[in-house]
Amino acid sequence: MPEANRVRPESPFPKGIPQPALRALASLGITRLDQVTRFTEARLLGLHGMGPKALGIIEAELRARGKSLARKP
């Protein structure tokens, strides 16, 4: 995985996620990468500020850790 997408020691999220997306995650109480696995792609994309770029970074890092977003019930 490229170094640019690795989680920074001072941040619970990978580098490159835009601030509006981080604020959108915070609005759901998400403060760490592993917490996004409770949500579906559709739910996250429905957040104001969350876009495909941020979601792509998140999904790539989750895959690198052997995890994924929740699936539709």
PDB file of N, CA and C in Angstrom:
ATOM      1  N   MET A   1       0.848  -1.172   0.000  1.00  0.00           N
ATOM      2  CA  MET A   1       0.000   0.000   0.000  1.00  0.00           C
ATOM      3  C   MET A   1       0.890   1.230   0.000  1.00  0.00           C
ATOM      4  N   PRO A   2       0.575   2.232  -0.811  1.00  0.00           N
ATOM      5  CA  PRO A   2       1.397   3.443  -0.838  1.00  0.00           C
ATOM      6  C   PRO A   2       1.432   4.109   0.527  1.00  0.00           C
ATOM      7  N   GLU A   3       2.575   4.651   0.861  1.00  0.00           N
ATOM      8  CA  GLU A   3       2.763   5.304   2.160  1.00  0.00           C
ATOM      9  C   GLU A   3       1.765   6.440   2.378  1.00  0.00           C
ATOM     10  N   ALA A   4       1.345   7.112   1.323  1.00  0.00           N
ATOM     11  CA  ALA A   4       0.424   8.248   1.447  1.00  0.00           C
ATOM     12  C   ALA A   4      -0.904   7.855   2.074  1.00  0.00           C
ATOM     13  N   ASN A   5      -1.298   6.603   1.971  1.00  0.00           N
ATOM     14  CA  ASN A   5      -2.586   6.185   2.512  1.00  0.00           C
ATOM     15  C   ASN A   5      -2.483   5.501   3.872  1.00  0.00           C
ATOM     16  N   ARG A   6      -1.311   5.420   4.429  1.00  0.00           N
ATOM     17  CA  ARG A   6      -1.145   4.796   5.736  1.00  0.00           C
ATOM     18  C   ARG A   6      -1.670   5.715   6.822  1.00  0.00           C
ATOM     19  N   VAL A   7      -2.154   5.124   7.887  1.00  0.00           N
ATOM     20  CA  VAL A   7      -2.639   5.903   9.016  1.00  0.00           C
ATOM     21  C   VAL A   7      -1.455   6.602   9.663  1.00  0.00           C
ATOM     22  N   ARG A   8      -1.605   7.898   9.872  1.00  0.00           N
ATOM     23  CA  ARG A   8      -0.564   8.672  10.529  1.00  0.00           C
ATOM     24  C   ARG A   8      -0.630   8.421  12.024  1.00  0.00           C
ATOM     25  N   PRO A   9       0.516   8.426  12.705  1.00  0.00           N
ATOM     26  CA  PRO A   9       0.513   8.187  14.145  1.00  0.00           C
ATOM     27  C   PRO A   9      -0.365   9.181  14.907  1.00  0.00           C
ATOM     28  N   GLU A  10      -0.422  10.433  14.454  1.00  0.00           N
ATOM     29  CA  GLU A  10      -1.202  11.439  15.155  1.00  0.00           C
ATOM     30  C   GLU A  10      -2.667  11.463  14.723  1.00  0.00           C
ATOM     31  N   SER A  11      -3.038  10.635  13.772  1.00  0.00           N
ATOM     32  CA  SER A  11      -4.397  10.633  13.264  1.00  0.00           C
ATOM     33  C   SER A  11      -4.967   9.223  13.231  1.00  0.00           C
ATOM     34  N   PRO A  12      -6.241   9.067  13.586  1.00  0.00           N
ATOM     35  CA  PRO A  12      -6.861   7.751  13.530  1.00  0.00           C
ATOM     36  C   PRO A  12      -7.358   7.377  12.127  1.00  0.00           C
ATOM     37  N   PHE A  13      -7.115   8.244  11.135  1.00  0.00           N
ATOM     38  CA  PHE A  13      -7.552   8.001   9.764  1.00  0.00           C
ATOM     39  C   PHE A  13      -6.374   8.099   8.806  1.00  0.00           C
ATOM     40  N   PRO A  14      -6.490   7.459   7.634  1.00  0.00           N
ATOM     41  CA  PRO A  14      -5.415   7.553   6.643  1.00  0.00           C
ATOM     42  C   PRO A  14      -5.221   8.986   6.162  1.00  0.00           C
ATOM     43  N   LYS A  15      -4.019   9.286   5.739  1.00  0.00           N
ATOM     44  CA  LYS A  15      -3.705  10.584   5.145  1.00  0.00           C
ATOM     45  C   LYS A  15      -4.526  10.775   3.875  1.00  0.00           C
ATOM     46  N   GLY A  16      -4.857  12.001   3.582  1.00  0.00           N
ATOM     47  CA  GLY A  16      -5.513  12.314   2.319  1.00  0.00           C
ATOM     48  C   GLY A  16      -7.017  12.448   2.395  1.00  0.00           C
ATOM     49  N   ILE A  17      -7.616  12.114   3.516  1.00  0.00           N
ATOM     50  CA  ILE A  17      -9.065  12.264   3.645  1.00  0.00           C
ATOM     51  C   ILE A  17      -9.361  13.741   3.880  1.00  0.00           C
ATOM     52  N   PRO A  18     -10.173  14.350   3.034  1.00  0.00           N
ATOM     53  CA  PRO A  18     -10.473  15.777   3.178  1.00  0.00           C
ATOM     54  C   PRO A  18     -11.191  16.097   4.502  1.00  0.00           C
ATOM     55  N   GLN A  19     -10.969  17.300   4.999  1.00  0.00           N
ATOM     56  CA  GLN A  19     -11.566  17.727   6.252  1.00  0.00           C
ATOM     57  C   GLN A  19     -13.095  17.631   6.264  1.00  0.00           C
ATOM     58  N   PRO A  20     -13.801  17.984   5.174  1.00  0.00           N
ATOM     59  CA  PRO A  20     -15.260  17.833   5.215  1.00  0.00           C
ATOM     60  C   PRO A  20     -15.699  16.385   5.473  1.00  0.00           C
ATOM     61  N   ALA A  21     -14.953  15.438   4.932  1.00  0.00           N
ATOM     62  CA  ALA A  21     -15.277  14.023   5.155  1.00  0.00           C
ATOM     63  C   ALA A  21     -15.009  13.637   6.605  1.00  0.00           C
ATOM     64  N   LEU A  22     -13.925  14.149   7.177  1.00  0.00           N
ATOM     65  CA  LEU A  22     -13.624  13.858   8.577  1.00  0.00           C
ATOM     66  C   LEU A  22     -14.703  14.438   9.491  1.00  0.00           C
ATOM     67  N   ARG A  23     -15.185  15.630   9.156  1.00  0.00           N
ATOM     68  CA  ARG A  23     -16.278  16.226   9.943  1.00  0.00           C
ATOM     69  C   ARG A  23     -17.553  15.411   9.794  1.00  0.00           C
ATOM     70  N   ALA A  24     -17.802  14.898   8.595  1.00  0.00           N
ATOM     71  CA  ALA A  24     -18.988  14.063   8.373  1.00  0.00           C
ATOM     72  C   ALA A  24     -18.917  12.799   9.219  1.00  0.00           C
ATOM     73  N   LEU A  25     -17.755  12.176   9.270  1.00  0.00           N
ATOM     74  CA  LEU A  25     -17.580  10.984  10.100  1.00  0.00           C
ATOM     75  C   LEU A  25     -17.778  11.323  11.577  1.00  0.00           C
ATOM     76  N   ALA A  26     -17.234  12.450  11.989  1.00  0.00           N
ATOM     77  CA  ALA A  26     -17.371  12.870  13.382  1.00  0.00           C
ATOM     78  C   ALA A  26     -18.837  13.098  13.748  1.00  0.00           C
ATOM     79  N   SER A  27     -19.648  13.511  12.779  1.00  0.00           N
ATOM     80  CA  SER A  27     -21.075  13.741  13.059  1.00  0.00           C
ATOM     81  C   SER A  27     -21.801  12.453  13.440  1.00  0.00           C
ATOM     82  N   LEU A  28     -21.224  11.315  13.052  1.00  0.00           N
ATOM     83  CA  LEU A  28     -21.782  10.013  13.428  1.00  0.00           C
ATOM     84  C   LEU A  28     -21.064   9.428  14.641  1.00  0.00           C
ATOM     85  N   GLY A  29     -20.130  10.176  15.188  1.00  0.00           N
ATOM     86  CA  GLY A  29     -19.374   9.682  16.334  1.00  0.00           C
ATOM     87  C   GLY A  29     -18.219   8.791  15.940  1.00  0.00           C
ATOM     88  N   ILE A  30     -17.848   8.796  14.667  1.00  0.00           N
ATOM     89  CA  ILE A  30     -16.748   7.966  14.180  1.00  0.00           C
ATOM     90  C   ILE A  30     -15.440   8.729  14.403  1.00  0.00           C
ATOM     91  N   THR A  31     -14.590   8.178  15.237  1.00  0.00           N
ATOM     92  CA  THR A  31     -13.316   8.819  15.548  1.00  0.00           C
ATOM     93  C   THR A  31     -12.113   7.964  15.167  1.00  0.00           C
ATOM     94  N   ARG A  32     -12.372   6.717  14.750  1.00  0.00           N
ATOM     95  CA  ARG A  32     -11.301   5.803  14.351  1.00  0.00           C
ATOM     96  C   ARG A  32     -11.716   5.049  13.093  1.00  0.00           C
ATOM     97  N   LEU A  33     -10.734   4.665  12.316  1.00  0.00           N
ATOM     98  CA  LEU A  33     -10.984   3.959  11.063  1.00  0.00           C
ATOM     99  C   LEU A  33     -11.811   2.691  11.267  1.00  0.00           C
ATOM    100  N   ASP A  34     -11.507   1.911  12.303  1.00  0.00           N
ATOM    101  CA  ASP A  34     -12.210   0.649  12.493  1.00  0.00           C
ATOM    102  C   ASP A  34     -13.709   0.838  12.755  1.00  0.00           C
ATOM    103  N   GLN A  35     -14.121   2.016  13.174  1.00  0.00           N
ATOM    104  CA  GLN A  35     -15.533   2.268  13.448  1.00  0.00           C
ATOM    105  C   GLN A  35     -16.385   2.387  12.183  1.00  0.00           C
ATOM    106  N   VAL A  36     -15.775   2.682  11.052  1.00  0.00           N
ATOM    107  CA  VAL A  36     -16.567   2.831   9.822  1.00  0.00           C
ATOM    108  C   VAL A  36     -17.111   1.498   9.324  1.00  0.00           C
ATOM    109  N   THR A  37     -16.566   0.393   9.821  1.00  0.00           N
ATOM    110  CA  THR A  37     -17.021  -0.920   9.359  1.00  0.00           C
ATOM    111  C   THR A  37     -18.468  -1.213   9.752  1.00  0.00           C
ATOM    112  N   ARG A  38     -19.033  -0.425  10.641  1.00  0.00           N
ATOM    113  CA  ARG A  38     -20.440  -0.594  11.043  1.00  0.00           C
ATOM    114  C   ARG A  38     -21.414   0.012  10.044  1.00  0.00           C
ATOM    115  N   PHE A  39     -20.901   0.768   9.068  1.00  0.00           N
ATOM    116  CA  PHE A  39     -21.745   1.515   8.148  1.00  0.00           C
ATOM    117  C   PHE A  39     -21.573   1.017   6.713  1.00  0.00           C
ATOM    118  N   THR A  40     -22.642   1.151   5.931  1.00  0.00           N
ATOM    119  CA  THR A  40     -22.580   0.775   4.519  1.00  0.00           C
ATOM    120  C   THR A  40     -21.997   1.929   3.700  1.00  0.00           C
ATOM    121  N   GLU A  41     -21.574   1.593   2.508  1.00  0.00           N
ATOM    122  CA  GLU A  41     -21.077   2.606   1.583  1.00  0.00           C
ATOM    123  C   GLU A  41     -22.152   3.656   1.332  1.00  0.00           C
ATOM    124  N   ALA A  42     -23.384   3.220   1.119  1.00  0.00           N
ATOM    125  CA  ALA A  42     -24.481   4.153   0.843  1.00  0.00           C
ATOM    126  C   ALA A  42     -24.700   5.108   2.009  1.00  0.00           C
ATOM    127  N   ARG A  43     -24.629   4.601   3.232  1.00  0.00           N
ATOM    128  CA  ARG A  43     -24.836   5.458   4.409  1.00  0.00           C
ATOM    129  C   ARG A  43     -23.741   6.507   4.498  1.00  0.00           C
ATOM    130  N   LEU A  44     -22.497   6.095   4.274  1.00  0.00           N
ATOM    131  CA  LEU A  44     -21.391   7.048   4.349  1.00  0.00           C
ATOM    132  C   LEU A  44     -21.453   8.073   3.233  1.00  0.00           C
ATOM    133  N   LEU A  45     -21.770   7.631   2.023  1.00  0.00           N
ATOM    134  CA  LEU A  45     -21.867   8.580   0.907  1.00  0.00           C
ATOM    135  C   LEU A  45     -23.031   9.548   1.083  1.00  0.00           C
ATOM    136  N   GLY A  46     -24.005   9.177   1.888  1.00  0.00           N
ATOM    137  CA  GLY A  46     -25.141  10.051   2.152  1.00  0.00           C
ATOM    138  C   GLY A  46     -24.820  11.176   3.121  1.00  0.00           C
ATOM    139  N   LEU A  47     -23.656  11.131   3.727  1.00  0.00           N
ATOM    140  CA  LEU A  47     -23.262  12.180   4.669  1.00  0.00           C
ATOM    141  C   LEU A  47     -22.806  13.422   3.908  1.00  0.00           C
ATOM    142  N   HIS A  48     -23.233  14.571   4.368  1.00  0.00           N
ATOM    143  CA  HIS A  48     -22.782  15.828   3.769  1.00  0.00           C
ATOM    144  C   HIS A  48     -21.284  15.977   4.032  1.00  0.00           C
ATOM    145  N   GLY A  49     -20.510  16.064   2.975  1.00  0.00           N
ATOM    146  CA  GLY A  49     -19.064  16.197   3.086  1.00  0.00           C
ATOM    147  C   GLY A  49     -18.291  14.947   2.717  1.00  0.00           C
ATOM    148  N   MET A  50     -18.976  13.818   2.674  1.00  0.00           N
ATOM    149  CA  MET A  50     -18.309  12.562   2.317  1.00  0.00           C
ATOM    150  C   MET A  50     -18.463  12.330   0.822  1.00  0.00           C
ATOM    151  N   GLY A  51     -17.358  12.180   0.135  1.00  0.00           N
ATOM    152  CA  GLY A  51     -17.406  11.952  -1.301  1.00  0.00           C
ATOM    153  C   GLY A  51     -16.679  10.689  -1.694  1.00  0.00           C
ATOM    154  N   PRO A  52     -16.681  10.395  -2.995  1.00  0.00           N
ATOM    155  CA  PRO A  52     -16.053   9.171  -3.486  1.00  0.00           C
ATOM    156  C   PRO A  52     -14.548   9.102  -3.216  1.00  0.00           C
ATOM    157  N   LYS A  53     -13.859  10.245  -3.240  1.00  0.00           N
ATOM    158  CA  LYS A  53     -12.414  10.239  -2.988  1.00  0.00           C
ATOM    159  C   LYS A  53     -12.138   9.766  -1.564  1.00  0.00           C
ATOM    160  N   ALA A  54     -12.799  10.367  -0.601  1.00  0.00           N
ATOM    161  CA  ALA A  54     -12.589   9.994   0.800  1.00  0.00           C
ATOM    162  C   ALA A  54     -12.984   8.541   1.038  1.00  0.00           C
ATOM    163  N   LEU A  55     -14.104   8.151   0.476  1.00  0.00           N
ATOM    164  CA  LEU A  55     -14.567   6.779   0.667  1.00  0.00           C
ATOM    165  C   LEU A  55     -13.583   5.785   0.050  1.00  0.00           C
ATOM    166  N   GLY A  56     -13.016   6.128  -1.087  1.00  0.00           N
ATOM    167  CA  GLY A  56     -12.026   5.265  -1.726  1.00  0.00           C
ATOM    168  C   GLY A  56     -10.794   5.070  -0.860  1.00  0.00           C
ATOM    169  N   ILE A  57     -10.324   6.142  -0.231  1.00  0.00           N
ATOM    170  CA  ILE A  57      -9.167   6.061   0.660  1.00  0.00           C
ATOM    171  C   ILE A  57      -9.490   5.162   1.850  1.00  0.00           C
ATOM    172  N   ILE A  58     -10.670   5.362   2.412  1.00  0.00           N
ATOM    173  CA  ILE A  58     -11.095   4.568   3.567  1.00  0.00           C
ATOM    174  C   ILE A  58     -11.201   3.097   3.199  1.00  0.00           C
ATOM    175  N   GLU A  59     -11.858   2.807   2.086  1.00  0.00           N
ATOM    176  CA  GLU A  59     -12.031   1.411   1.669  1.00  0.00           C
ATOM    177  C   GLU A  59     -10.691   0.742   1.368  1.00  0.00           C
ATOM    178  N   ALA A  60      -9.773   1.466   0.754  1.00  0.00           N
ATOM    179  CA  ALA A  60      -8.455   0.897   0.446  1.00  0.00           C
ATOM    180  C   ALA A  60      -7.713   0.541   1.734  1.00  0.00           C
ATOM    181  N   GLU A  61      -7.780   1.409   2.717  1.00  0.00           N
ATOM    182  CA  GLU A  61      -7.099   1.129   3.979  1.00  0.00           C
ATOM    183  C   GLU A  61      -7.765  -0.027   4.718  1.00  0.00           C
ATOM    184  N   LEU A  62      -9.093  -0.086   4.673  1.00  0.00           N
ATOM    185  CA  LEU A  62      -9.792  -1.208   5.301  1.00  0.00           C
ATOM    186  C   LEU A  62      -9.388  -2.528   4.642  1.00  0.00           C
ATOM    187  N   ARG A  63      -9.339  -2.554   3.303  1.00  0.00           N
ATOM    188  CA  ARG A  63      -8.927  -3.763   2.584  1.00  0.00           C
ATOM    189  C   ARG A  63      -7.519  -4.178   2.990  1.00  0.00           C
ATOM    190  N   ALA A  64      -6.624  -3.200   3.134  1.00  0.00           N
ATOM    191  CA  ALA A  64      -5.248  -3.494   3.520  1.00  0.00           C
ATOM    192  C   ALA A  64      -5.197  -4.135   4.900  1.00  0.00           C
ATOM    193  N   ARG A  65      -6.208  -3.880   5.713  1.00  0.00           N
ATOM    194  CA  ARG A  65      -6.276  -4.450   7.070  1.00  0.00           C
ATOM    195  C   ARG A  65      -7.182  -5.681   7.126  1.00  0.00           C
ATOM    196  N   GLY A  66      -7.676  -6.128   5.970  1.00  0.00           N
ATOM    197  CA  GLY A  66      -8.534  -7.310   5.930  1.00  0.00           C
ATOM    198  C   GLY A  66      -9.952  -7.030   6.422  1.00  0.00           C
ATOM    199  N   LYS A  67     -10.382  -5.792   6.343  1.00  0.00           N
ATOM    200  CA  LYS A  67     -11.722  -5.411   6.791  1.00  0.00           C
ATOM    201  C   LYS A  67     -12.481  -4.780   5.638  1.00  0.00           C
ATOM    202  N   SER A  68     -13.784  -4.528   5.866  1.00  0.00           N
ATOM    203  CA  SER A  68     -14.602  -3.880   4.841  1.00  0.00           C
ATOM    204  C   SER A  68     -15.762  -3.144   5.507  1.00  0.00           C
ATOM    205  N   LEU A  69     -16.452  -2.371   4.698  1.00  0.00           N
ATOM    206  CA  LEU A  69     -17.640  -1.684   5.173  1.00  0.00           C
ATOM    207  C   LEU A  69     -18.764  -2.714   5.364  1.00  0.00           C
ATOM    208  N   ALA A  70     -19.780  -2.319   6.119  1.00  0.00           N
ATOM    209  CA  ALA A  70     -20.925  -3.194   6.320  1.00  0.00           C
ATOM    210  C   ALA A  70     -21.646  -3.402   4.986  1.00  0.00           C
ATOM    211  N   ARG A  71     -22.334  -4.502   4.887  1.00  0.00           N
ATOM    212  CA  ARG A  71     -23.125  -4.791   3.677  1.00  0.00           C
ATOM    213  C   ARG A  71     -24.580  -4.529   3.961  1.00  0.00           C
ATOM    214  N   LYS A  72     -25.334  -4.293   2.895  1.00  0.00           N
ATOM    215  CA  LYS A  72     -26.776  -4.074   3.059  1.00  0.00           C
ATOM    216  C   LYS A  72     -27.408  -5.303   3.686  1.00  0.00           C
ATOM    217  N   PRO A  73     -28.339  -5.092   4.612  1.00  0.00           N
ATOM    218  CA  PRO A  73     -28.999  -6.258   5.261  1.00  0.00           C
ATOM    219  C   PRO A  73     -29.847  -7.031   4.292  1.00  0.00           C
TER     220      PRO A  73
END
